[in-house]
């Protein structure tokens, strides 16, 4: 019997959020806002400033008429999350301004992390950050950026009942309202799709392979270089076995152009 894959699995969460109703309702609840219509929804969106810079892969990227929303599922307690939000924001802004837009046209931006741990250790269910003046906290920078970290472990402390239901569900409790039941149904439907499980298994195996390469090479070359070399070796293995290009891109984080260069230099 295949193991059960929960919503807290990154790949599962990204897949479920492709459902526009679920994604829109989830963001509305978590932020307490209304979204009339999602204009753009992309799972595992790749962003990088240039071919030689560090790229990122966003689990879920959503755009409406004048706002962008990035949603990430985070299972491991990594202390670099605050710095990652800084880099995420920068790359998103570069991507937008690359089209010739003016600074004043930058959209309102929300970066959301659903965490299975308490990143800041204060026991709060939600940590929301905006840029304000240190000398006069009532003065906002008005840069239209907001970073929100959800701590599902503290779901019982959340006063908003609808948001509490979502945090409770992500914590591992049973679905208990319309939205969490809709998410649960989508999870069950997705994990029973043979092609999805095959894709999930491939990604999972390659992540483990990358981690092992990074560990072995990290001592002599540094963790960053080791991780990069691991991704290159992973790409070579998958290319040699004629694995579908879309799966290689998702598994390694490389762009199509970078994969082409790896093939040429192999």
C-alpha atoms as a PDB file:
ATOM      1  CA  UNK A   1       0.000   0.000   0.000  1.00  0.00           C
ATOM      2  CA  UNK A   2       1.387   3.417  -0.961  1.00  0.00           C
ATOM      3  CA  UNK A   3       2.154   5.810   1.857  1.00  0.00           C
ATOM      4  CA  UNK A   4      -0.293   8.640   2.487  1.00  0.00           C
ATOM      5  CA  UNK A   5       0.895  12.029   1.273  1.00  0.00           C
ATOM      6  CA  UNK A   6      -0.450  14.958   3.259  1.00  0.00           C
ATOM      7  CA  UNK A   7      -1.109  18.582   2.337  1.00  0.00           C
ATOM      8  CA  UNK A   8       2.100  19.548   4.173  1.00  0.00           C
ATOM      9  CA  UNK A   9       4.156  17.831   1.478  1.00  0.00           C
ATOM     10  CA  UNK A  10       5.545  20.686  -0.664  1.00  0.00           C
ATOM     11  CA  UNK A  11       4.707  19.011  -3.948  1.00  0.00           C
ATOM     12  CA  UNK A  12       1.211  18.090  -2.796  1.00  0.00           C
ATOM     13  CA  UNK A  13       0.499  21.586  -1.465  1.00  0.00           C
ATOM     14  CA  UNK A  14       1.651  23.157  -4.719  1.00  0.00           C
ATOM     15  CA  UNK A  15      -0.537  20.757  -6.719  1.00  0.00           C
ATOM     16  CA  UNK A  16      -3.655  21.275  -4.598  1.00  0.00           C
ATOM     17  CA  UNK A  17      -3.263  25.046  -4.829  1.00  0.00           C
ATOM     18  CA  UNK A  18      -3.614  24.795  -8.613  1.00  0.00           C
ATOM     19  CA  UNK A  19      -7.329  24.520  -7.863  1.00  0.00           C
ATOM     20  CA  UNK A  20      -8.373  28.175  -8.228  1.00  0.00           C
ATOM     21  CA  UNK A  21     -11.238  27.975  -5.735  1.00  0.00           C
ATOM     22  CA  UNK A  22      -9.034  26.421  -3.044  1.00  0.00           C
ATOM     23  CA  UNK A  23      -6.135  28.773  -3.684  1.00  0.00           C
ATOM     24  CA  UNK A  24      -8.251  31.923  -3.694  1.00  0.00           C
ATOM     25  CA  UNK A  25     -10.244  30.869  -0.614  1.00  0.00           C
ATOM     26  CA  UNK A  26      -7.083  29.891   1.251  1.00  0.00           C
ATOM     27  CA  UNK A  27      -5.372  33.250   0.633  1.00  0.00           C
ATOM     28  CA  UNK A  28      -8.535  35.173   1.474  1.00  0.00           C
ATOM     29  CA  UNK A  29      -8.888  33.402   4.799  1.00  0.00           C
ATOM     30  CA  UNK A  30      -5.252  33.588   5.787  1.00  0.00           C
ATOM     31  CA  UNK A  31      -4.953  37.298   5.019  1.00  0.00           C
ATOM     32  CA  UNK A  32      -8.510  38.429   5.740  1.00  0.00           C
ATOM     33  CA  UNK A  33      -8.914  40.031   2.311  1.00  0.00           C
ATOM     34  CA  UNK A  34     -11.133  39.606  -0.749  1.00  0.00           C
ATOM     35  CA  UNK A  35      -9.864  38.482  -4.144  1.00  0.00           C
ATOM     36  CA  UNK A  36     -12.387  38.997  -6.923  1.00  0.00           C
ATOM     37  CA  UNK A  37     -10.507  37.021  -9.529  1.00  0.00           C
ATOM     38  CA  UNK A  38      -7.147  35.310  -9.843  1.00  0.00           C
ATOM     39  CA  UNK A  39      -5.525  36.470 -13.071  1.00  0.00           C
ATOM     40  CA  UNK A  40      -2.440  34.300 -12.876  1.00  0.00           C
ATOM     41  CA  UNK A  41      -1.720  31.100 -10.962  1.00  0.00           C
ATOM     42  CA  UNK A  42       1.483  29.145 -11.383  1.00  0.00           C
ATOM     43  CA  UNK A  43       2.835  26.161  -9.493  1.00  0.00           C
ATOM     44  CA  UNK A  44       6.605  26.014  -8.903  1.00  0.00           C
ATOM     45  CA  UNK A  45       7.413  29.296 -10.623  1.00  0.00           C
ATOM     46  CA  UNK A  46      11.122  29.769 -11.415  1.00  0.00           C
ATOM     47  CA  UNK A  47      12.709  33.184 -10.864  1.00  0.00           C
ATOM     48  CA  UNK A  48      16.282  34.398 -11.268  1.00  0.00           C
ATOM     49  CA  UNK A  49      17.874  37.789 -11.973  1.00  0.00           C
ATOM     50  CA  UNK A  50      20.141  36.432 -14.722  1.00  0.00           C
ATOM     51  CA  UNK A  51      21.473  33.047 -15.943  1.00  0.00           C
ATOM     52  CA  UNK A  52      24.376  33.192 -13.471  1.00  0.00           C
ATOM     53  CA  UNK A  53      22.519  34.259 -10.316  1.00  0.00           C
ATOM     54  CA  UNK A  54      20.931  32.058  -7.657  1.00  0.00           C
ATOM     55  CA  UNK A  55      17.451  31.081  -8.788  1.00  0.00           C
ATOM     56  CA  UNK A  56      14.404  30.289  -6.670  1.00  0.00           C
ATOM     57  CA  UNK A  57      11.389  28.085  -7.174  1.00  0.00           C
ATOM     58  CA  UNK A  58       8.180  29.333  -5.616  1.00  0.00           C
ATOM     59  CA  UNK A  59       5.697  26.640  -4.556  1.00  0.00           C
ATOM     60  CA  UNK A  60       2.710  28.775  -5.564  1.00  0.00           C
ATOM     61  CA  UNK A  61       2.690  32.191  -7.225  1.00  0.00           C
ATOM     62  CA  UNK A  62      -0.621  34.043  -7.631  1.00  0.00           C
ATOM     63  CA  UNK A  63      -1.483  37.397  -9.163  1.00  0.00           C
ATOM     64  CA  UNK A  64      -4.720  39.361  -9.190  1.00  0.00           C
ATOM     65  CA  UNK A  65      -5.323  42.815 -10.674  1.00  0.00           C
ATOM     66  CA  UNK A  66      -2.871  44.719  -8.461  1.00  0.00           C
ATOM     67  CA  UNK A  67      -1.340  42.244  -5.982  1.00  0.00           C
ATOM     68  CA  UNK A  68       0.988  39.250  -5.971  1.00  0.00           C
ATOM     69  CA  UNK A  69       0.920  36.354  -3.509  1.00  0.00           C
ATOM     70  CA  UNK A  70       3.668  33.818  -2.936  1.00  0.00           C
ATOM     71  CA  UNK A  71       2.814  30.744  -0.888  1.00  0.00           C
ATOM     72  CA  UNK A  72       5.443  28.372   0.493  1.00  0.00           C
ATOM     73  CA  UNK A  73       5.056  25.212   2.573  1.00  0.00           C
ATOM     74  CA  UNK A  74       7.944  24.856   5.036  1.00  0.00           C
ATOM     75  CA  UNK A  75       8.455  21.630   6.973  1.00  0.00           C
ATOM     76  CA  UNK A  76      12.074  22.051   8.107  1.00  0.00           C
ATOM     77  CA  UNK A  77      13.100  24.654  10.683  1.00  0.00           C
ATOM     78  CA  UNK A  78      15.547  26.615   8.576  1.00  0.00           C
ATOM     79  CA  UNK A  79      16.833  29.797  10.180  1.00  0.00           C
ATOM     80  CA  UNK A  80      17.367  31.483   6.814  1.00  0.00           C
ATOM     81  CA  UNK A  81      13.652  31.945   6.065  1.00  0.00           C
ATOM     82  CA  UNK A  82      13.628  35.693   6.878  1.00  0.00           C
ATOM     83  CA  UNK A  83      16.556  36.243   4.487  1.00  0.00           C
ATOM     84  CA  UNK A  84      14.861  34.102   1.871  1.00  0.00           C
ATOM     85  CA  UNK A  85      11.829  36.396   1.960  1.00  0.00           C
ATOM     86  CA  UNK A  86      14.156  39.323   1.243  1.00  0.00           C
ATOM     87  CA  UNK A  87      15.617  37.538  -1.782  1.00  0.00           C
ATOM     88  CA  UNK A  88      12.197  36.352  -2.975  1.00  0.00           C
ATOM     89  CA  UNK A  89      10.871  39.899  -2.870  1.00  0.00           C
ATOM     90  CA  UNK A  90      13.867  41.266  -4.752  1.00  0.00           C
ATOM     91  CA  UNK A  91      13.597  38.738  -7.571  1.00  0.00           C
ATOM     92  CA  UNK A  92       9.861  39.275  -7.929  1.00  0.00           C
ATOM     93  CA  UNK A  93      10.381  43.032  -8.205  1.00  0.00           C
ATOM     94  CA  UNK A  94      13.162  42.590 -10.760  1.00  0.00           C
ATOM     95  CA  UNK A  95      10.907  40.296 -12.785  1.00  0.00           C
ATOM     96  CA  UNK A  96       8.149  42.918 -12.766  1.00  0.00           C
ATOM     97  CA  UNK A  97      10.347  45.925 -13.554  1.00  0.00           C
ATOM     98  CA  UNK A  98      12.087  43.984 -16.309  1.00  0.00           C
ATOM     99  CA  UNK A  99       9.004  44.679 -18.418  1.00  0.00           C
ATOM    100  CA  UNK A 100       9.682  48.417 -18.400  1.00  0.00           C
ATOM    101  CA  UNK A 101       7.351  49.281 -15.535  1.00  0.00           C
ATOM    102  CA  UNK A 102       7.917  52.229 -13.195  1.00  0.00           C
ATOM    103  CA  UNK A 103       8.644  51.842  -9.473  1.00  0.00           C
ATOM    104  CA  UNK A 104       5.272  53.335  -8.584  1.00  0.00           C
ATOM    105  CA  UNK A 105       3.563  50.535 -10.496  1.00  0.00           C
ATOM    106  CA  UNK A 106       5.081  47.761  -8.370  1.00  0.00           C
ATOM    107  CA  UNK A 107       2.182  45.640  -7.081  1.00  0.00           C
ATOM    108  CA  UNK A 108       1.302  45.062  -3.453  1.00  0.00           C
ATOM    109  CA  UNK A 109       3.151  41.910  -2.438  1.00  0.00           C
ATOM    110  CA  UNK A 110       2.474  39.160   0.107  1.00  0.00           C
ATOM    111  CA  UNK A 111       4.928  36.361   0.895  1.00  0.00           C
ATOM    112  CA  UNK A 112       3.348  33.617   3.004  1.00  0.00           C
ATOM    113  CA  UNK A 113       5.158  30.760   4.749  1.00  0.00           C
ATOM    114  CA  UNK A 114       3.097  27.927   6.257  1.00  0.00           C
ATOM    115  CA  UNK A 115       5.482  26.515   8.881  1.00  0.00           C
ATOM    116  CA  UNK A 116       5.206  23.284  10.862  1.00  0.00           C
ATOM    117  CA  UNK A 117       7.312  24.908  13.593  1.00  0.00           C
ATOM    118  CA  UNK A 118       7.597  28.171  15.518  1.00  0.00           C
ATOM    119  CA  UNK A 119      10.327  30.064  13.653  1.00  0.00           C
ATOM    120  CA  UNK A 120      10.476  32.954  16.136  1.00  0.00           C
ATOM    121  CA  UNK A 121       9.798  31.014  19.337  1.00  0.00           C
ATOM    122  CA  UNK A 122       7.153  33.349  20.771  1.00  0.00           C
ATOM    123  CA  UNK A 123       4.212  30.945  20.581  1.00  0.00           C
ATOM    124  CA  UNK A 124       2.174  33.094  18.194  1.00  0.00           C
ATOM    125  CA  UNK A 125       0.055  31.485  15.458  1.00  0.00           C
ATOM    126  CA  UNK A 126       0.881  34.313  13.032  1.00  0.00           C
ATOM    127  CA  UNK A 127       3.865  36.631  12.635  1.00  0.00           C
ATOM    128  CA  UNK A 128       3.262  39.520  10.207  1.00  0.00           C
ATOM    129  CA  UNK A 129       6.045  41.874   9.136  1.00  0.00           C
ATOM    130  CA  UNK A 130       5.890  45.271   7.457  1.00  0.00           C
ATOM    131  CA  UNK A 131       8.516  48.005   7.193  1.00  0.00           C
ATOM    132  CA  UNK A 132       7.957  50.798   9.710  1.00  0.00           C
ATOM    133  CA  UNK A 133      10.083  53.584  11.146  1.00  0.00           C
ATOM    134  CA  UNK A 134      12.107  52.573  14.229  1.00  0.00           C
ATOM    135  CA  UNK A 135      11.998  56.093  15.658  1.00  0.00           C
ATOM    136  CA  UNK A 136       8.277  56.497  15.012  1.00  0.00           C
ATOM    137  CA  UNK A 137       6.475  53.138  14.567  1.00  0.00           C
ATOM    138  CA  UNK A 138       3.310  54.881  13.385  1.00  0.00           C
ATOM    139  CA  UNK A 139       5.168  55.884  10.202  1.00  0.00           C
ATOM    140  CA  UNK A 140       5.041  53.171   7.545  1.00  0.00           C
ATOM    141  CA  UNK A 141       7.534  52.916   4.694  1.00  0.00           C
ATOM    142  CA  UNK A 142       4.610  52.113   2.398  1.00  0.00           C
ATOM    143  CA  UNK A 143       6.670  49.835   0.182  1.00  0.00           C
ATOM    144  CA  UNK A 144       3.607  47.589  -0.263  1.00  0.00           C
ATOM    145  CA  UNK A 145       5.449  44.492   0.990  1.00  0.00           C
ATOM    146  CA  UNK A 146       4.220  42.133   3.673  1.00  0.00           C
ATOM    147  CA  UNK A 147       5.774  38.893   4.927  1.00  0.00           C
ATOM    148  CA  UNK A 148       3.627  36.507   6.972  1.00  0.00           C
ATOM    149  CA  UNK A 149       4.770  33.365   8.803  1.00  0.00           C
ATOM    150  CA  UNK A 150       2.100  30.947  10.064  1.00  0.00           C
ATOM    151  CA  UNK A 151       2.964  28.665  12.971  1.00  0.00           C
ATOM    152  CA  UNK A 152       0.541  25.725  12.738  1.00  0.00           C
ATOM    153  CA  UNK A 153       1.703  24.393  16.130  1.00  0.00           C
ATOM    154  CA  UNK A 154      -0.068  27.340  17.778  1.00  0.00           C
ATOM    155  CA  UNK A 155      -3.385  26.826  15.968  1.00  0.00           C
ATOM    156  CA  UNK A 156      -5.321  26.804  19.259  1.00  0.00           C
ATOM    157  CA  UNK A 157      -4.267  30.412  19.942  1.00  0.00           C
ATOM    158  CA  UNK A 158      -5.758  31.757  16.702  1.00  0.00           C
ATOM    159  CA  UNK A 159      -8.931  33.723  17.428  1.00  0.00           C
ATOM    160  CA  UNK A 160     -10.266  33.862  13.872  1.00  0.00           C
ATOM    161  CA  UNK A 161     -12.227  30.607  13.585  1.00  0.00           C
ATOM    162  CA  UNK A 162     -11.885  30.207   9.817  1.00  0.00           C
ATOM    163  CA  UNK A 163      -8.127  30.776   9.892  1.00  0.00           C
ATOM    164  CA  UNK A 164      -7.876  28.541  12.950  1.00  0.00           C
ATOM    165  CA  UNK A 165      -9.560  25.696  11.031  1.00  0.00           C
ATOM    166  CA  UNK A 166      -6.880  25.896   8.324  1.00  0.00           C
ATOM    167  CA  UNK A 167      -3.990  25.999  10.791  1.00  0.00           C
ATOM    168  CA  UNK A 168      -5.507  23.073  12.686  1.00  0.00           C
ATOM    169  CA  UNK A 169      -5.842  21.060   9.474  1.00  0.00           C
ATOM    170  CA  UNK A 170      -2.246  21.760   8.421  1.00  0.00           C
ATOM    171  CA  UNK A 171      -1.166  20.745  11.927  1.00  0.00           C
ATOM    172  CA  UNK A 172      -2.551  17.291  11.194  1.00  0.00           C
ATOM    173  CA  UNK A 173      -6.055  17.351  12.618  1.00  0.00           C
ATOM    174  CA  UNK A 174      -9.203  16.334  10.715  1.00  0.00           C
ATOM    175  CA  UNK A 175     -10.823  18.641   8.178  1.00  0.00           C
ATOM    176  CA  UNK A 176     -13.770  20.311   9.924  1.00  0.00           C
ATOM    177  CA  UNK A 177     -15.282  22.892   7.573  1.00  0.00           C
ATOM    178  CA  UNK A 178     -16.105  23.350   3.882  1.00  0.00           C
ATOM    179  CA  UNK A 179     -12.691  24.625   2.800  1.00  0.00           C
ATOM    180  CA  UNK A 180     -10.559  22.125   4.705  1.00  0.00           C
ATOM    181  CA  UNK A 181     -12.807  19.308   3.453  1.00  0.00           C
ATOM    182  CA  UNK A 182     -12.384  20.584  -0.113  1.00  0.00           C
ATOM    183  CA  UNK A 183      -8.602  20.563   0.397  1.00  0.00           C
ATOM    184  CA  UNK A 184      -8.745  17.052   1.865  1.00  0.00           C
ATOM    185  CA  UNK A 185     -10.804  15.791  -1.099  1.00  0.00           C
ATOM    186  CA  UNK A 186      -8.284  17.309  -3.517  1.00  0.00           C
ATOM    187  CA  UNK A 187      -5.395  15.693  -1.616  1.00  0.00           C
ATOM    188  CA  UNK A 188      -7.045  12.250  -1.827  1.00  0.00           C
ATOM    189  CA  UNK A 189      -7.839  12.723  -5.515  1.00  0.00           C
ATOM    190  CA  UNK A 190      -4.302  13.836  -6.314  1.00  0.00           C
ATOM    191  CA  UNK A 191      -2.421  11.110  -4.457  1.00  0.00           C
ATOM    192  CA  UNK A 192      -4.468   8.452  -6.235  1.00  0.00           C
ATOM    193  CA  UNK A 193      -3.331   9.682  -9.662  1.00  0.00           C
ATOM    194  CA  UNK A 194      -0.645   7.296 -10.888  1.00  0.00           C
ATOM    195  CA  UNK A 195       1.200   9.876 -12.988  1.00  0.00           C
ATOM    196  CA  UNK A 196       1.279  12.371 -10.108  1.00  0.00           C
ATOM    197  CA  UNK A 197       2.689   9.777  -7.692  1.00  0.00           C
ATOM    198  CA  UNK A 198       5.330   8.848 -10.248  1.00  0.00           C
ATOM    199  CA  UNK A 199       6.313  12.486 -10.641  1.00  0.00           C
ATOM    200  CA  UNK A 200       6.308  12.964  -6.853  1.00  0.00           C
ATOM    201  CA  UNK A 201       8.504   9.905  -6.359  1.00  0.00           C
ATOM    202  CA  UNK A 202      11.007  11.133  -8.945  1.00  0.00           C
ATOM    203  CA  UNK A 203      11.265  14.564  -7.344  1.00  0.00           C
ATOM    204  CA  UNK A 204      11.555  13.046  -3.854  1.00  0.00           C
ATOM    205  CA  UNK A 205      14.356  10.701  -4.920  1.00  0.00           C
ATOM    206  CA  UNK A 206      16.312  13.446  -6.622  1.00  0.00           C
ATOM    207  CA  UNK A 207      16.006  15.760  -3.613  1.00  0.00           C
ATOM    208  CA  UNK A 208      17.534  12.997  -1.466  1.00  0.00           C
ATOM    209  CA  UNK A 209      20.248  12.446  -4.062  1.00  0.00           C
ATOM    210  CA  UNK A 210      21.049  16.150  -4.154  1.00  0.00           C
ATOM    211  CA  UNK A 211      21.240  16.249  -0.359  1.00  0.00           C
ATOM    212  CA  UNK A 212      23.671  13.333  -0.246  1.00  0.00           C
ATOM    213  CA  UNK A 213      25.941  14.913  -2.863  1.00  0.00           C
ATOM    214  CA  UNK A 214      25.831  18.237  -1.036  1.00  0.00           C
ATOM    215  CA  UNK A 215      26.813  16.506   2.218  1.00  0.00           C
ATOM    216  CA  UNK A 216      29.736  14.639   0.656  1.00  0.00           C
ATOM    217  CA  UNK A 217      31.100  17.622  -1.250  1.00  0.00           C
ATOM    218  CA  UNK A 218      30.374  20.257   1.369  1.00  0.00           C
ATOM    219  CA  UNK A 219      33.446  19.581   3.491  1.00  0.00           C
ATOM    220  CA  UNK A 220      35.935  20.222   0.713  1.00  0.00           C
ATOM    221  CA  UNK A 221      34.123  22.754  -1.461  1.00  0.00           C
ATOM    222  CA  UNK A 222      31.584  24.404   0.829  1.00  0.00           C
ATOM    223  CA  UNK A 223      27.904  23.572   1.155  1.00  0.00           C
ATOM    224  CA  UNK A 224      26.779  25.938  -1.620  1.00  0.00           C
ATOM    225  CA  UNK A 225      29.228  24.556  -4.165  1.00  0.00           C
ATOM    226  CA  UNK A 226      28.412  21.013  -3.103  1.00  0.00           C
ATOM    227  CA  UNK A 227      24.702  21.590  -3.547  1.00  0.00           C
ATOM    228  CA  UNK A 228      25.288  23.062  -7.018  1.00  0.00           C
ATOM    229  CA  UNK A 229      27.494  20.144  -8.065  1.00  0.00           C
ATOM    230  CA  UNK A 230      24.865  17.745  -6.771  1.00  0.00           C
ATOM    231  CA  UNK A 231      22.216  19.375  -8.948  1.00  0.00           C
ATOM    232  CA  UNK A 232      24.529  19.137 -11.971  1.00  0.00           C
ATOM    233  CA  UNK A 233      25.192  15.443 -11.353  1.00  0.00           C
ATOM    234  CA  UNK A 234      21.480  14.826 -10.828  1.00  0.00           C
ATOM    235  CA  UNK A 235      20.703  16.564 -14.116  1.00  0.00           C
ATOM    236  CA  UNK A 236      23.279  14.430 -15.931  1.00  0.00           C
ATOM    237  CA  UNK A 237      21.811  11.221 -14.511  1.00  0.00           C
ATOM    238  CA  UNK A 238      18.274  12.184 -15.498  1.00  0.00           C
ATOM    239  CA  UNK A 239      19.332  13.354 -18.964  1.00  0.00           C
ATOM    240  CA  UNK A 240      21.219  10.097 -19.545  1.00  0.00           C
ATOM    241  CA  UNK A 241      18.078   8.153 -18.667  1.00  0.00           C
ATOM    242  CA  UNK A 242      15.875  10.247 -20.967  1.00  0.00           C
ATOM    243  CA  UNK A 243      13.649  11.476 -18.151  1.00  0.00           C
ATOM    244  CA  UNK A 244      10.979  13.972 -19.233  1.00  0.00           C
ATOM    245  CA  UNK A 245      12.390  17.517 -19.454  1.00  0.00           C
ATOM    246  CA  UNK A 246       9.683  19.020 -17.224  1.00  0.00           C
ATOM    247  CA  UNK A 247      10.566  16.586 -14.420  1.00  0.00           C
ATOM    248  CA  UNK A 248      14.293  17.380 -14.744  1.00  0.00           C
ATOM    249  CA  UNK A 249      13.560  21.105 -14.498  1.00  0.00           C
ATOM    250  CA  UNK A 250      11.464  20.578 -11.353  1.00  0.00           C
ATOM    251  CA  UNK A 251      13.953  18.179  -9.783  1.00  0.00           C
ATOM    252  CA  UNK A 252      17.092  20.276 -10.287  1.00  0.00           C
ATOM    253  CA  UNK A 253      15.912  23.886 -10.367  1.00  0.00           C
ATOM    254  CA  UNK A 254      17.884  24.557 -13.556  1.00  0.00           C
ATOM    255  CA  UNK A 255      16.465  26.472 -16.502  1.00  0.00           C
ATOM    256  CA  UNK A 256      16.155  24.871 -19.934  1.00  0.00           C
ATOM    257  CA  UNK A 257      19.144  26.955 -21.088  1.00  0.00           C
ATOM    258  CA  UNK A 258      21.289  25.743 -18.193  1.00  0.00           C
ATOM    259  CA  UNK A 259      20.349  22.122 -18.920  1.00  0.00           C
ATOM    260  CA  UNK A 260      21.397  22.617 -22.528  1.00  0.00           C
ATOM    261  CA  UNK A 261      24.807  23.888 -21.368  1.00  0.00           C
ATOM    262  CA  UNK A 262      25.183  20.896 -19.054  1.00  0.00           C
ATOM    263  CA  UNK A 263      24.477  18.546 -21.981  1.00  0.00           C
ATOM    264  CA  UNK A 264      27.084  20.339 -24.124  1.00  0.00           C
ATOM    265  CA  UNK A 265      29.754  20.176 -21.429  1.00  0.00           C
ATOM    266  CA  UNK A 266      29.128  16.580 -20.428  1.00  0.00           C
END
